[in-house]
Each structure stands twice: as C-alpha cells, then as structure tokens.
Amino acid sequence: MTKEEFAARLKHACACVQAAEDELTEIDSRFGDADHGLTMAKIAGAISAAVEQADGGIQAMLDDAATAVMSLNGGSAVPLWNSWLDGMQEAAPDGGEIDVAGIQAVFASALEELDDMSGAKVGDKTMMDAIIPASEAIAAYAGDDENGLFAAAAQAAAQGAEATRQFVSRFGRAKSYGTQTIGTPDAGAMSAAYFFQGLAQA
C-alpha cells in the first residue's frame, strides 16, 4: 500500500466519523456531555487536513495527524486519539510504502500507546471496546491483502461497538448512571467503529 492509498483510507475514515456527528451527539447526550459528536468531527477534520497536506513518507503523515489532533481543545477524546495516532507513527515506515506486516506493526504500536493512557478494557464501555477487537483482528490477519485486513478490522470494531449496549459504563461522566447506561451504545466505541468502517474503503 502506498502513502497515497493509506491517506485515502484515512480520509474515508474521517468522512465516516464526520457523517455520524449528529448520531454521536445524540448518544452522548443521554449520559455524557453531548459534545462527543462535535469533538470527533473536529478530530476527524484535523486528521483529514493533516493527511491531505503531509509531506514526506508514511511516518511523517501519521506524525502530522497526531500533532494536529494534539493542538485541539476538546474532551477526553483528544488526548486519547492523539496517543493512538502517536503510537501509529512510532512504528510506521519512513518511506512511502507499507505492507501487511507493516500495517500490523503500526496498529499494534497504536494499541500499546493507547492502552497505556486509557487503561480501559473490553467491557468497560469505552472506545477500547471497538479498538481492541479491531486491533486483535488486524494482528490475527493471515492474508497478504490490506483490503481483507481492514475489512476484518471494521467488522470487529462494529461488533465491539454494538456489544457496548449490554455493558455498564465504568469511565467518564456516564459511570455515575450505572445500570441506566445498559441499552445505549458507547459514543466513543461508535466513533472508533465508524473510523475503521472508513479505513475499509479503498
């Protein structure tokens, strides 16, 4: 996969998140601050613009995206997404090509970095409910085609986000609502799932 192809996937991912802004806001309004849709639209816009303008190779592109997110004002999503993108760039190649093994290394590094900051696990009703299974699907992918890899990741992320409906929130403002949060998906998991949905679009 070339840098340009990776950039196109990232822009699709951002577009999917931006298209879901109203839905994410509505979900977050139930037990949160009702700002997740706006925050994620800002994050997606910053990533997309950085990717569009990036010079250099794949690592430079991902570093620019992480830096763009870090400069935003927003809720807890901003430092979490910055950490995730920063983890990506740490394992990314300097050049303009990346193979399946390289993609797997990028997302493994991203998960490690995000996990250090978040501390949330599957079942805690956070963005990690989508990102952990997606990352595991990427790590387990045995093919040599990035289309199959990202399709597997998108499916795992979507299933993980949907599963959050059954969970009790253990982080953030929603934590205080306890069992009332059962039946509502987590906004952070949903936005991450939309991101992976876009990554699966070549």
N, C-alpha and C. Protein backbone atom coordinates (compact mmCIF):
# COMPACT_ATOMS: atom_id res chain seq x y z
N MET A 1 0.85 -1.19 0.00
CA MET A 1 0.00 0.00 0.00
C MET A 1 0.89 1.24 0.00
N THR A 2 0.58 2.18 -0.87
CA THR A 2 1.36 3.41 -0.93
C THR A 2 0.85 4.42 0.11
N LYS A 3 1.66 5.43 0.33
CA LYS A 3 1.25 6.50 1.24
C LYS A 3 -0.05 7.14 0.76
N GLU A 4 -0.17 7.32 -0.55
CA GLU A 4 -1.37 7.95 -1.11
C GLU A 4 -2.61 7.09 -0.86
N GLU A 5 -2.45 5.77 -0.98
CA GLU A 5 -3.56 4.86 -0.72
C GLU A 5 -3.94 4.85 0.76
N PHE A 6 -2.94 4.91 1.62
CA PHE A 6 -3.18 4.97 3.06
C PHE A 6 -3.87 6.30 3.40
N ALA A 7 -3.41 7.36 2.80
CA ALA A 7 -4.02 8.68 3.02
C ALA A 7 -5.49 8.68 2.61
N ALA A 8 -5.78 8.04 1.48
CA ALA A 8 -7.17 7.97 1.01
C ALA A 8 -8.04 7.23 2.02
N ARG A 9 -7.52 6.14 2.55
CA ARG A 9 -8.28 5.38 3.56
C ARG A 9 -8.50 6.23 4.82
N LEU A 10 -7.49 6.95 5.25
CA LEU A 10 -7.64 7.80 6.43
C LEU A 10 -8.68 8.89 6.20
N LYS A 11 -8.70 9.45 5.00
CA LYS A 11 -9.70 10.49 4.70
C LYS A 11 -11.11 9.90 4.64
N HIS A 12 -11.24 8.68 4.12
CA HIS A 12 -12.54 8.00 4.17
C HIS A 12 -12.97 7.78 5.62
N ALA A 13 -12.01 7.40 6.46
CA ALA A 13 -12.31 7.16 7.88
C ALA A 13 -12.82 8.44 8.55
N CYS A 14 -12.15 9.53 8.25
CA CYS A 14 -12.56 10.81 8.83
C CYS A 14 -13.94 11.24 8.33
N ALA A 15 -14.20 10.99 7.05
CA ALA A 15 -15.50 11.35 6.48
C ALA A 15 -16.63 10.55 7.14
N CYS A 16 -16.36 9.27 7.43
CA CYS A 16 -17.37 8.45 8.09
C CYS A 16 -17.69 8.99 9.49
N VAL A 17 -16.65 9.39 10.21
CA VAL A 17 -16.85 9.95 11.55
C VAL A 17 -17.63 11.26 11.47
N GLN A 18 -17.25 12.12 10.53
CA GLN A 18 -17.94 13.41 10.40
C GLN A 18 -19.41 13.23 10.01
N ALA A 19 -19.69 12.24 9.17
CA ALA A 19 -21.07 11.98 8.76
C ALA A 19 -21.93 11.50 9.92
N ALA A 20 -21.28 10.93 10.94
CA ALA A 20 -22.00 10.39 12.10
C ALA A 20 -22.10 11.39 13.25
N GLU A 21 -21.71 12.65 13.03
CA GLU A 21 -21.66 13.64 14.12
C GLU A 21 -22.97 13.74 14.90
N ASP A 22 -24.09 13.86 14.20
CA ASP A 22 -25.38 14.03 14.88
C ASP A 22 -25.73 12.79 15.69
N GLU A 23 -25.46 11.62 15.13
CA GLU A 23 -25.74 10.37 15.85
C GLU A 23 -24.89 10.27 17.12
N LEU A 24 -23.61 10.62 17.01
CA LEU A 24 -22.70 10.54 18.16
C LEU A 24 -23.11 11.55 19.24
N THR A 25 -23.56 12.72 18.81
CA THR A 25 -24.04 13.73 19.76
C THR A 25 -25.27 13.23 20.50
N GLU A 26 -26.18 12.61 19.76
CA GLU A 26 -27.41 12.11 20.39
C GLU A 26 -27.10 11.02 21.41
N ILE A 27 -26.23 10.11 21.07
CA ILE A 27 -25.85 9.04 22.01
C ILE A 27 -25.21 9.64 23.25
N ASP A 28 -24.27 10.58 23.04
CA ASP A 28 -23.54 11.17 24.16
C ASP A 28 -24.43 12.05 25.03
N SER A 29 -25.54 12.54 24.46
CA SER A 29 -26.44 13.41 25.24
C SER A 29 -27.20 12.64 26.32
N ARG A 30 -27.26 11.33 26.19
CA ARG A 30 -28.04 10.54 27.14
C ARG A 30 -27.36 10.45 28.50
N PHE A 31 -26.04 10.23 28.49
CA PHE A 31 -25.34 10.05 29.76
C PHE A 31 -24.01 10.80 29.81
N GLY A 32 -23.74 11.62 28.81
CA GLY A 32 -22.49 12.35 28.76
C GLY A 32 -22.71 13.85 28.65
N ASP A 33 -21.74 14.53 28.02
CA ASP A 33 -21.80 15.98 27.91
C ASP A 33 -22.38 16.46 26.59
N ALA A 34 -22.81 15.53 25.75
CA ALA A 34 -23.40 15.86 24.44
C ALA A 34 -22.42 16.57 23.52
N ASP A 35 -21.11 16.36 23.77
CA ASP A 35 -20.10 17.04 22.95
C ASP A 35 -19.26 16.08 22.12
N HIS A 36 -19.55 14.77 22.21
CA HIS A 36 -18.67 13.82 21.54
C HIS A 36 -18.75 13.95 20.02
N GLY A 37 -19.93 14.19 19.49
CA GLY A 37 -20.06 14.36 18.05
C GLY A 37 -19.23 15.52 17.54
N LEU A 38 -19.33 16.66 18.20
CA LEU A 38 -18.57 17.85 17.81
C LEU A 38 -17.07 17.61 17.96
N THR A 39 -16.69 17.03 19.09
CA THR A 39 -15.26 16.76 19.32
C THR A 39 -14.69 15.83 18.26
N MET A 40 -15.43 14.76 17.94
CA MET A 40 -14.94 13.81 16.95
C MET A 40 -14.93 14.42 15.55
N ALA A 41 -15.88 15.30 15.26
CA ALA A 41 -15.87 15.98 13.96
C ALA A 41 -14.62 16.86 13.85
N LYS A 42 -14.23 17.51 14.95
CA LYS A 42 -13.01 18.31 14.97
C LYS A 42 -11.77 17.43 14.77
N ILE A 43 -11.74 16.32 15.50
CA ILE A 43 -10.61 15.39 15.39
C ILE A 43 -10.49 14.87 13.98
N ALA A 44 -11.61 14.45 13.41
CA ALA A 44 -11.61 13.92 12.05
C ALA A 44 -11.17 14.98 11.05
N GLY A 45 -11.64 16.20 11.23
CA GLY A 45 -11.25 17.29 10.34
C GLY A 45 -9.77 17.58 10.42
N ALA A 46 -9.22 17.54 11.64
CA ALA A 46 -7.79 17.79 11.83
C ALA A 46 -6.94 16.70 11.19
N ILE A 47 -7.35 15.44 11.37
CA ILE A 47 -6.62 14.33 10.76
C ILE A 47 -6.67 14.43 9.24
N SER A 48 -7.85 14.66 8.71
CA SER A 48 -8.02 14.71 7.26
C SER A 48 -7.18 15.82 6.64
N ALA A 49 -7.19 17.00 7.26
CA ALA A 49 -6.41 18.12 6.73
C ALA A 49 -4.91 17.84 6.81
N ALA A 50 -4.47 17.24 7.91
CA ALA A 50 -3.06 16.93 8.08
C ALA A 50 -2.59 15.91 7.05
N VAL A 51 -3.42 14.89 6.82
CA VAL A 51 -3.09 13.85 5.85
C VAL A 51 -3.03 14.44 4.44
N GLU A 52 -3.95 15.34 4.15
CA GLU A 52 -4.02 15.98 2.83
C GLU A 52 -2.75 16.79 2.54
N GLN A 53 -2.23 17.43 3.57
CA GLN A 53 -1.12 18.37 3.38
C GLN A 53 0.25 17.77 3.69
N ALA A 54 0.29 16.53 4.15
CA ALA A 54 1.54 15.95 4.66
C ALA A 54 2.58 15.78 3.56
N ASP A 55 3.79 16.19 3.88
CA ASP A 55 4.95 15.91 3.04
C ASP A 55 5.67 14.70 3.62
N GLY A 56 6.60 14.16 2.86
CA GLY A 56 7.39 13.05 3.38
C GLY A 56 6.66 11.72 3.27
N GLY A 57 7.11 10.75 4.07
CA GLY A 57 6.60 9.40 4.00
C GLY A 57 5.43 9.14 4.93
N ILE A 58 5.17 7.86 5.16
CA ILE A 58 4.01 7.46 5.96
C ILE A 58 4.18 7.87 7.41
N GLN A 59 5.38 7.72 7.96
CA GLN A 59 5.59 8.12 9.35
C GLN A 59 5.34 9.62 9.53
N ALA A 60 5.85 10.42 8.61
CA ALA A 60 5.65 11.87 8.69
C ALA A 60 4.16 12.22 8.61
N MET A 61 3.43 11.52 7.76
CA MET A 61 1.99 11.77 7.61
C MET A 61 1.25 11.48 8.92
N LEU A 62 1.54 10.35 9.54
CA LEU A 62 0.86 9.99 10.79
C LEU A 62 1.30 10.90 11.93
N ASP A 63 2.56 11.32 11.91
CA ASP A 63 3.05 12.25 12.93
C ASP A 63 2.33 13.60 12.80
N ASP A 64 2.15 14.05 11.57
CA ASP A 64 1.41 15.30 11.34
C ASP A 64 -0.03 15.18 11.84
N ALA A 65 -0.64 14.02 11.62
CA ALA A 65 -2.02 13.81 12.07
C ALA A 65 -2.10 13.85 13.59
N ALA A 66 -1.16 13.19 14.26
CA ALA A 66 -1.14 13.18 15.72
C ALA A 66 -0.94 14.59 16.27
N THR A 67 -0.04 15.35 15.65
CA THR A 67 0.24 16.71 16.09
C THR A 67 -0.99 17.60 15.90
N ALA A 68 -1.69 17.41 14.79
CA ALA A 68 -2.89 18.21 14.52
C ALA A 68 -3.96 17.96 15.56
N VAL A 69 -4.12 16.71 15.96
CA VAL A 69 -5.13 16.38 16.98
C VAL A 69 -4.71 16.96 18.34
N MET A 70 -3.43 16.88 18.66
CA MET A 70 -2.94 17.35 19.95
C MET A 70 -3.22 18.84 20.15
N SER A 71 -3.29 19.60 19.05
CA SER A 71 -3.47 21.05 19.13
C SER A 71 -4.92 21.45 19.39
N LEU A 72 -5.84 20.49 19.36
CA LEU A 72 -7.26 20.80 19.52
C LEU A 72 -7.64 20.97 20.99
N ASN A 73 -8.68 21.77 21.20
CA ASN A 73 -9.33 21.82 22.50
C ASN A 73 -10.55 20.90 22.44
N GLY A 74 -10.73 20.07 23.44
CA GLY A 74 -11.87 19.16 23.41
C GLY A 74 -11.90 18.29 24.64
N GLY A 75 -12.78 17.31 24.61
CA GLY A 75 -12.95 16.44 25.76
C GLY A 75 -11.86 15.39 25.83
N SER A 76 -12.15 14.34 26.54
CA SER A 76 -11.17 13.28 26.78
C SER A 76 -10.75 12.59 25.49
N ALA A 77 -11.56 12.71 24.43
CA ALA A 77 -11.22 12.04 23.18
C ALA A 77 -9.95 12.58 22.55
N VAL A 78 -9.65 13.86 22.75
CA VAL A 78 -8.50 14.47 22.09
C VAL A 78 -7.18 13.81 22.52
N PRO A 79 -6.85 13.74 23.81
CA PRO A 79 -5.58 13.08 24.17
C PRO A 79 -5.57 11.59 23.84
N LEU A 80 -6.72 10.94 23.89
CA LEU A 80 -6.76 9.51 23.56
C LEU A 80 -6.46 9.28 22.08
N TRP A 81 -7.08 10.07 21.21
CA TRP A 81 -6.82 9.92 19.78
C TRP A 81 -5.41 10.37 19.43
N ASN A 82 -4.91 11.38 20.10
CA ASN A 82 -3.51 11.78 19.89
C ASN A 82 -2.56 10.64 20.25
N SER A 83 -2.81 9.98 21.37
CA SER A 83 -1.96 8.86 21.78
C SER A 83 -2.01 7.72 20.77
N TRP A 84 -3.22 7.43 20.28
CA TRP A 84 -3.39 6.34 19.32
C TRP A 84 -2.62 6.63 18.03
N LEU A 85 -2.77 7.84 17.52
CA LEU A 85 -2.06 8.22 16.30
C LEU A 85 -0.55 8.30 16.53
N ASP A 86 -0.15 8.76 17.69
CA ASP A 86 1.27 8.83 18.02
C ASP A 86 1.88 7.43 18.05
N GLY A 87 1.11 6.48 18.59
CA GLY A 87 1.57 5.10 18.58
C GLY A 87 1.72 4.56 17.16
N MET A 88 0.79 4.96 16.29
CA MET A 88 0.89 4.53 14.89
C MET A 88 2.19 5.01 14.25
N GLN A 89 2.48 6.29 14.42
CA GLN A 89 3.64 6.84 13.73
C GLN A 89 4.94 6.26 14.25
N GLU A 90 4.96 5.84 15.51
CA GLU A 90 6.19 5.29 16.08
C GLU A 90 6.64 4.03 15.36
N ALA A 91 5.69 3.27 14.82
CA ALA A 91 6.04 2.02 14.14
C ALA A 91 5.94 2.12 12.62
N ALA A 92 5.61 3.30 12.13
CA ALA A 92 5.40 3.47 10.68
C ALA A 92 6.72 3.61 9.94
N PRO A 93 6.77 3.20 8.68
CA PRO A 93 7.99 3.34 7.89
C PRO A 93 8.24 4.78 7.46
N ASP A 94 9.51 5.13 7.27
CA ASP A 94 9.85 6.47 6.80
C ASP A 94 9.40 6.70 5.37
N GLY A 95 9.41 5.63 4.58
CA GLY A 95 9.14 5.77 3.16
C GLY A 95 7.67 5.82 2.81
N GLY A 96 7.39 5.62 1.53
CA GLY A 96 6.04 5.78 1.02
C GLY A 96 5.32 4.49 0.73
N GLU A 97 5.81 3.36 1.26
CA GLU A 97 5.17 2.06 1.04
C GLU A 97 5.03 1.33 2.38
N ILE A 98 3.96 0.57 2.51
CA ILE A 98 3.77 -0.24 3.71
C ILE A 98 3.05 -1.53 3.32
N ASP A 99 3.54 -2.66 3.84
CA ASP A 99 2.90 -3.94 3.54
C ASP A 99 2.02 -4.37 4.72
N VAL A 100 1.41 -5.55 4.61
CA VAL A 100 0.50 -6.01 5.66
C VAL A 100 1.22 -6.12 7.01
N ALA A 101 2.42 -6.66 7.00
CA ALA A 101 3.18 -6.77 8.25
C ALA A 101 3.44 -5.39 8.86
N GLY A 102 3.70 -4.42 7.99
CA GLY A 102 3.92 -3.06 8.46
C GLY A 102 2.66 -2.45 9.06
N ILE A 103 1.53 -2.70 8.41
CA ILE A 103 0.24 -2.22 8.94
C ILE A 103 -0.03 -2.85 10.31
N GLN A 104 0.26 -4.13 10.42
CA GLN A 104 0.05 -4.83 11.70
C GLN A 104 0.93 -4.22 12.79
N ALA A 105 2.17 -3.88 12.45
CA ALA A 105 3.07 -3.27 13.42
C ALA A 105 2.56 -1.89 13.85
N VAL A 106 2.05 -1.13 12.88
CA VAL A 106 1.53 0.22 13.16
C VAL A 106 0.37 0.15 14.16
N PHE A 107 -0.58 -0.75 13.93
CA PHE A 107 -1.76 -0.81 14.79
C PHE A 107 -1.47 -1.49 16.13
N ALA A 108 -0.46 -2.37 16.16
CA ALA A 108 -0.04 -2.95 17.45
C ALA A 108 0.59 -1.88 18.32
N SER A 109 1.43 -1.05 17.73
CA SER A 109 2.07 0.04 18.46
C SER A 109 1.03 1.06 18.93
N ALA A 110 0.05 1.33 18.07
CA ALA A 110 -1.01 2.29 18.43
C ALA A 110 -1.81 1.80 19.62
N LEU A 111 -2.16 0.50 19.62
CA LEU A 111 -2.92 -0.05 20.74
C LEU A 111 -2.11 0.00 22.03
N GLU A 112 -0.84 -0.31 21.95
CA GLU A 112 0.02 -0.28 23.15
C GLU A 112 0.06 1.11 23.75
N GLU A 113 0.23 2.11 22.88
CA GLU A 113 0.30 3.51 23.34
C GLU A 113 -1.04 3.94 23.96
N LEU A 114 -2.13 3.60 23.30
CA LEU A 114 -3.46 3.99 23.78
C LEU A 114 -3.80 3.27 25.08
N ASP A 115 -3.43 2.00 25.15
CA ASP A 115 -3.71 1.21 26.35
C ASP A 115 -3.01 1.80 27.56
N ASP A 116 -1.79 2.29 27.37
CA ASP A 116 -1.04 2.91 28.48
C ASP A 116 -1.78 4.13 29.02
N MET A 117 -2.43 4.88 28.13
CA MET A 117 -3.14 6.08 28.57
C MET A 117 -4.53 5.77 29.09
N SER A 118 -5.25 4.89 28.39
CA SER A 118 -6.66 4.64 28.72
C SER A 118 -6.85 3.74 29.93
N GLY A 119 -6.22 2.60 29.90
CA GLY A 119 -6.40 1.62 30.96
C GLY A 119 -7.71 0.86 30.89
N ALA A 120 -8.59 1.24 29.95
CA ALA A 120 -9.89 0.57 29.83
C ALA A 120 -9.74 -0.74 29.07
N LYS A 121 -10.57 -1.69 29.42
CA LYS A 121 -10.58 -3.00 28.77
C LYS A 121 -11.92 -3.22 28.07
N VAL A 122 -12.00 -4.29 27.29
CA VAL A 122 -13.28 -4.66 26.68
C VAL A 122 -14.29 -4.94 27.79
N GLY A 123 -15.46 -4.33 27.68
CA GLY A 123 -16.48 -4.48 28.70
C GLY A 123 -16.63 -3.26 29.58
N ASP A 124 -15.67 -2.32 29.48
CA ASP A 124 -15.75 -1.10 30.29
C ASP A 124 -16.58 0.00 29.63
N LYS A 125 -17.05 -0.26 28.43
CA LYS A 125 -17.91 0.67 27.69
C LYS A 125 -17.18 1.97 27.35
N THR A 126 -16.10 1.82 26.57
CA THR A 126 -15.32 2.96 26.08
C THR A 126 -14.94 2.70 24.62
N MET A 127 -14.17 3.62 24.04
CA MET A 127 -13.67 3.43 22.68
C MET A 127 -12.86 2.15 22.54
N MET A 128 -12.29 1.68 23.66
CA MET A 128 -11.47 0.46 23.62
C MET A 128 -12.29 -0.77 23.23
N ASP A 129 -13.61 -0.72 23.45
CA ASP A 129 -14.46 -1.84 23.07
C ASP A 129 -14.49 -2.04 21.55
N ALA A 130 -14.19 -1.02 20.80
CA ALA A 130 -14.07 -1.14 19.35
C ALA A 130 -12.61 -1.31 18.93
N ILE A 131 -11.72 -0.54 19.55
CA ILE A 131 -10.33 -0.52 19.09
C ILE A 131 -9.59 -1.82 19.45
N ILE A 132 -9.84 -2.38 20.63
CA ILE A 132 -9.14 -3.61 20.99
C ILE A 132 -9.50 -4.76 20.04
N PRO A 133 -10.80 -5.06 19.81
CA PRO A 133 -11.09 -6.16 18.88
C PRO A 133 -10.63 -5.88 17.45
N ALA A 134 -10.69 -4.63 17.02
CA ALA A 134 -10.20 -4.29 15.67
C ALA A 134 -8.70 -4.53 15.58
N SER A 135 -7.98 -4.13 16.62
CA SER A 135 -6.53 -4.32 16.65
C SER A 135 -6.18 -5.81 16.69
N GLU A 136 -6.97 -6.57 17.44
CA GLU A 136 -6.74 -8.02 17.50
C GLU A 136 -7.02 -8.68 16.15
N ALA A 137 -8.04 -8.19 15.45
CA ALA A 137 -8.34 -8.72 14.12
C ALA A 137 -7.21 -8.41 13.14
N ILE A 138 -6.64 -7.23 13.24
CA ILE A 138 -5.50 -6.87 12.39
C ILE A 138 -4.30 -7.76 12.70
N ALA A 139 -4.02 -7.96 13.99
CA ALA A 139 -2.88 -8.79 14.39
C ALA A 139 -3.04 -10.23 13.93
N ALA A 140 -4.29 -10.71 13.92
CA ALA A 140 -4.55 -12.12 13.59
C ALA A 140 -4.68 -12.36 12.08
N TYR A 141 -4.74 -11.30 11.30
CA TYR A 141 -4.97 -11.44 9.86
C TYR A 141 -3.81 -12.18 9.20
N ALA A 142 -4.11 -13.23 8.49
CA ALA A 142 -3.08 -14.09 7.91
C ALA A 142 -2.91 -13.90 6.41
N GLY A 143 -3.69 -13.03 5.80
CA GLY A 143 -3.60 -12.81 4.37
C GLY A 143 -2.50 -11.82 4.00
N ASP A 144 -2.43 -11.49 2.73
CA ASP A 144 -1.41 -10.54 2.26
C ASP A 144 -2.04 -9.34 1.56
N ASP A 145 -3.31 -9.09 1.85
CA ASP A 145 -4.07 -8.05 1.16
C ASP A 145 -4.65 -7.07 2.19
N GLU A 146 -4.32 -5.79 2.04
CA GLU A 146 -4.80 -4.81 3.02
C GLU A 146 -6.32 -4.65 2.99
N ASN A 147 -6.95 -4.96 1.86
CA ASN A 147 -8.41 -4.87 1.81
C ASN A 147 -9.04 -5.85 2.80
N GLY A 148 -8.55 -7.07 2.81
CA GLY A 148 -9.05 -8.07 3.75
C GLY A 148 -8.75 -7.71 5.19
N LEU A 149 -7.56 -7.14 5.40
CA LEU A 149 -7.17 -6.75 6.76
C LEU A 149 -8.11 -5.69 7.31
N PHE A 150 -8.33 -4.64 6.54
CA PHE A 150 -9.17 -3.55 7.04
C PHE A 150 -10.65 -3.95 7.12
N ALA A 151 -11.08 -4.85 6.24
CA ALA A 151 -12.46 -5.36 6.32
C ALA A 151 -12.66 -6.14 7.62
N ALA A 152 -11.68 -6.96 7.98
CA ALA A 152 -11.76 -7.72 9.23
C ALA A 152 -11.76 -6.79 10.43
N ALA A 153 -10.93 -5.76 10.37
CA ALA A 153 -10.88 -4.79 11.46
C ALA A 153 -12.19 -4.04 11.62
N ALA A 154 -12.77 -3.63 10.49
CA ALA A 154 -14.04 -2.89 10.53
C ALA A 154 -15.16 -3.74 11.12
N GLN A 155 -15.20 -5.00 10.73
CA GLN A 155 -16.23 -5.90 11.25
C GLN A 155 -16.08 -6.09 12.76
N ALA A 156 -14.84 -6.29 13.20
CA ALA A 156 -14.58 -6.49 14.63
C ALA A 156 -14.92 -5.24 15.44
N ALA A 157 -14.58 -4.07 14.88
CA ALA A 157 -14.87 -2.81 15.58
C ALA A 157 -16.38 -2.59 15.69
N ALA A 158 -17.10 -2.87 14.61
CA ALA A 158 -18.56 -2.69 14.61
C ALA A 158 -19.21 -3.62 15.63
N GLN A 159 -18.77 -4.86 15.67
CA GLN A 159 -19.32 -5.82 16.63
C GLN A 159 -18.99 -5.39 18.06
N GLY A 160 -17.78 -4.90 18.26
CA GLY A 160 -17.38 -4.44 19.59
C GLY A 160 -18.19 -3.25 20.06
N ALA A 161 -18.43 -2.31 19.14
CA ALA A 161 -19.22 -1.12 19.48
C ALA A 161 -20.66 -1.51 19.80
N GLU A 162 -21.22 -2.40 19.00
CA GLU A 162 -22.60 -2.85 19.22
C GLU A 162 -22.73 -3.55 20.57
N ALA A 163 -21.71 -4.30 20.95
CA ALA A 163 -21.74 -5.04 22.22
C ALA A 163 -21.80 -4.12 23.43
N THR A 164 -21.36 -2.85 23.25
CA THR A 164 -21.36 -1.94 24.40
C THR A 164 -22.77 -1.63 24.90
N ARG A 165 -23.77 -1.90 24.09
CA ARG A 165 -25.16 -1.71 24.54
C ARG A 165 -25.44 -2.53 25.81
N GLN A 166 -24.78 -3.67 25.93
CA GLN A 166 -25.06 -4.59 27.04
C GLN A 166 -24.28 -4.23 28.31
N PHE A 167 -23.34 -3.29 28.20
CA PHE A 167 -22.42 -3.04 29.31
C PHE A 167 -22.86 -1.86 30.18
N VAL A 168 -22.32 -1.83 31.38
CA VAL A 168 -22.48 -0.70 32.29
C VAL A 168 -21.25 0.19 32.14
N SER A 169 -21.44 1.49 32.02
CA SER A 169 -20.31 2.41 31.86
C SER A 169 -19.44 2.42 33.10
N ARG A 170 -18.14 2.33 32.89
CA ARG A 170 -17.19 2.31 34.00
C ARG A 170 -16.22 3.49 33.97
N PHE A 171 -16.35 4.36 32.98
CA PHE A 171 -15.45 5.51 32.84
C PHE A 171 -16.28 6.75 32.55
N GLY A 172 -15.72 7.91 32.88
CA GLY A 172 -16.31 9.18 32.49
C GLY A 172 -17.60 9.51 33.23
N ARG A 173 -18.26 10.53 32.72
CA ARG A 173 -19.48 11.01 33.35
C ARG A 173 -20.57 9.93 33.39
N ALA A 174 -20.62 9.10 32.34
CA ALA A 174 -21.66 8.07 32.26
C ALA A 174 -21.56 7.05 33.40
N LYS A 175 -20.37 6.93 34.00
CA LYS A 175 -20.17 5.97 35.09
C LYS A 175 -21.17 6.18 36.23
N SER A 176 -21.53 7.43 36.48
CA SER A 176 -22.42 7.75 37.60
C SER A 176 -23.85 7.27 37.36
N TYR A 177 -24.18 6.90 36.12
CA TYR A 177 -25.54 6.44 35.80
C TYR A 177 -25.71 4.93 35.98
N GLY A 178 -24.61 4.23 36.20
CA GLY A 178 -24.68 2.80 36.50
C GLY A 178 -25.45 2.01 35.46
N THR A 179 -26.38 1.19 35.94
CA THR A 179 -27.11 0.26 35.06
C THR A 179 -28.06 0.98 34.09
N GLN A 180 -28.31 2.27 34.32
CA GLN A 180 -29.16 3.01 33.37
C GLN A 180 -28.52 3.07 31.98
N THR A 181 -27.19 2.90 31.92
CA THR A 181 -26.50 3.01 30.64
C THR A 181 -26.66 1.74 29.79
N ILE A 182 -27.17 0.67 30.37
CA ILE A 182 -27.42 -0.54 29.59
C ILE A 182 -28.50 -0.24 28.55
N GLY A 183 -28.26 -0.66 27.32
CA GLY A 183 -29.20 -0.41 26.23
C GLY A 183 -28.75 0.69 25.30
N THR A 184 -27.82 1.53 25.76
CA THR A 184 -27.26 2.60 24.94
C THR A 184 -25.82 2.26 24.59
N PRO A 185 -25.45 2.33 23.31
CA PRO A 185 -24.05 2.05 22.97
C PRO A 185 -23.14 3.17 23.45
N ASP A 186 -21.86 2.89 23.53
CA ASP A 186 -20.90 3.92 23.93
C ASP A 186 -20.54 4.78 22.72
N ALA A 187 -20.60 6.09 22.91
CA ALA A 187 -20.33 7.01 21.80
C ALA A 187 -18.89 6.88 21.31
N GLY A 188 -17.95 6.71 22.23
CA GLY A 188 -16.55 6.57 21.85
C GLY A 188 -16.29 5.32 21.04
N ALA A 189 -16.93 4.23 21.43
CA ALA A 189 -16.79 2.99 20.67
C ALA A 189 -17.42 3.13 19.28
N MET A 190 -18.55 3.82 19.22
CA MET A 190 -19.22 4.02 17.94
C MET A 190 -18.35 4.87 16.99
N SER A 191 -17.75 5.93 17.50
CA SER A 191 -16.93 6.78 16.63
C SER A 191 -15.69 6.02 16.14
N ALA A 192 -15.10 5.20 17.01
CA ALA A 192 -13.96 4.38 16.58
C ALA A 192 -14.38 3.37 15.52
N ALA A 193 -15.57 2.79 15.69
CA ALA A 193 -16.06 1.82 14.71
C ALA A 193 -16.30 2.50 13.35
N TYR A 194 -16.82 3.72 13.37
CA TYR A 194 -17.01 4.45 12.12
C TYR A 194 -15.67 4.73 11.45
N PHE A 195 -14.65 5.02 12.25
CA PHE A 195 -13.32 5.27 11.71
C PHE A 195 -12.80 4.03 10.99
N PHE A 196 -12.95 2.87 11.62
CA PHE A 196 -12.50 1.63 10.97
C PHE A 196 -13.35 1.30 9.74
N GLN A 197 -14.64 1.64 9.80
CA GLN A 197 -15.50 1.44 8.63
C GLN A 197 -14.94 2.21 7.44
N GLY A 198 -14.51 3.43 7.69
CA GLY A 198 -13.92 4.23 6.61
C GLY A 198 -12.58 3.71 6.14
N LEU A 199 -11.77 3.20 7.06
CA LEU A 199 -10.47 2.64 6.67
C LEU A 199 -10.63 1.47 5.70
N ALA A 200 -11.77 0.79 5.79
CA ALA A 200 -12.02 -0.36 4.94
C ALA A 200 -12.41 0.05 3.50
N GLN A 201 -12.59 1.35 3.29
CA GLN A 201 -12.93 1.84 1.94
C GLN A 201 -11.66 2.25 1.22
N ALA A 202 -11.31 1.53 0.17
CA ALA A 202 -10.07 1.82 -0.57
C ALA A 202 -10.21 3.12 -1.36
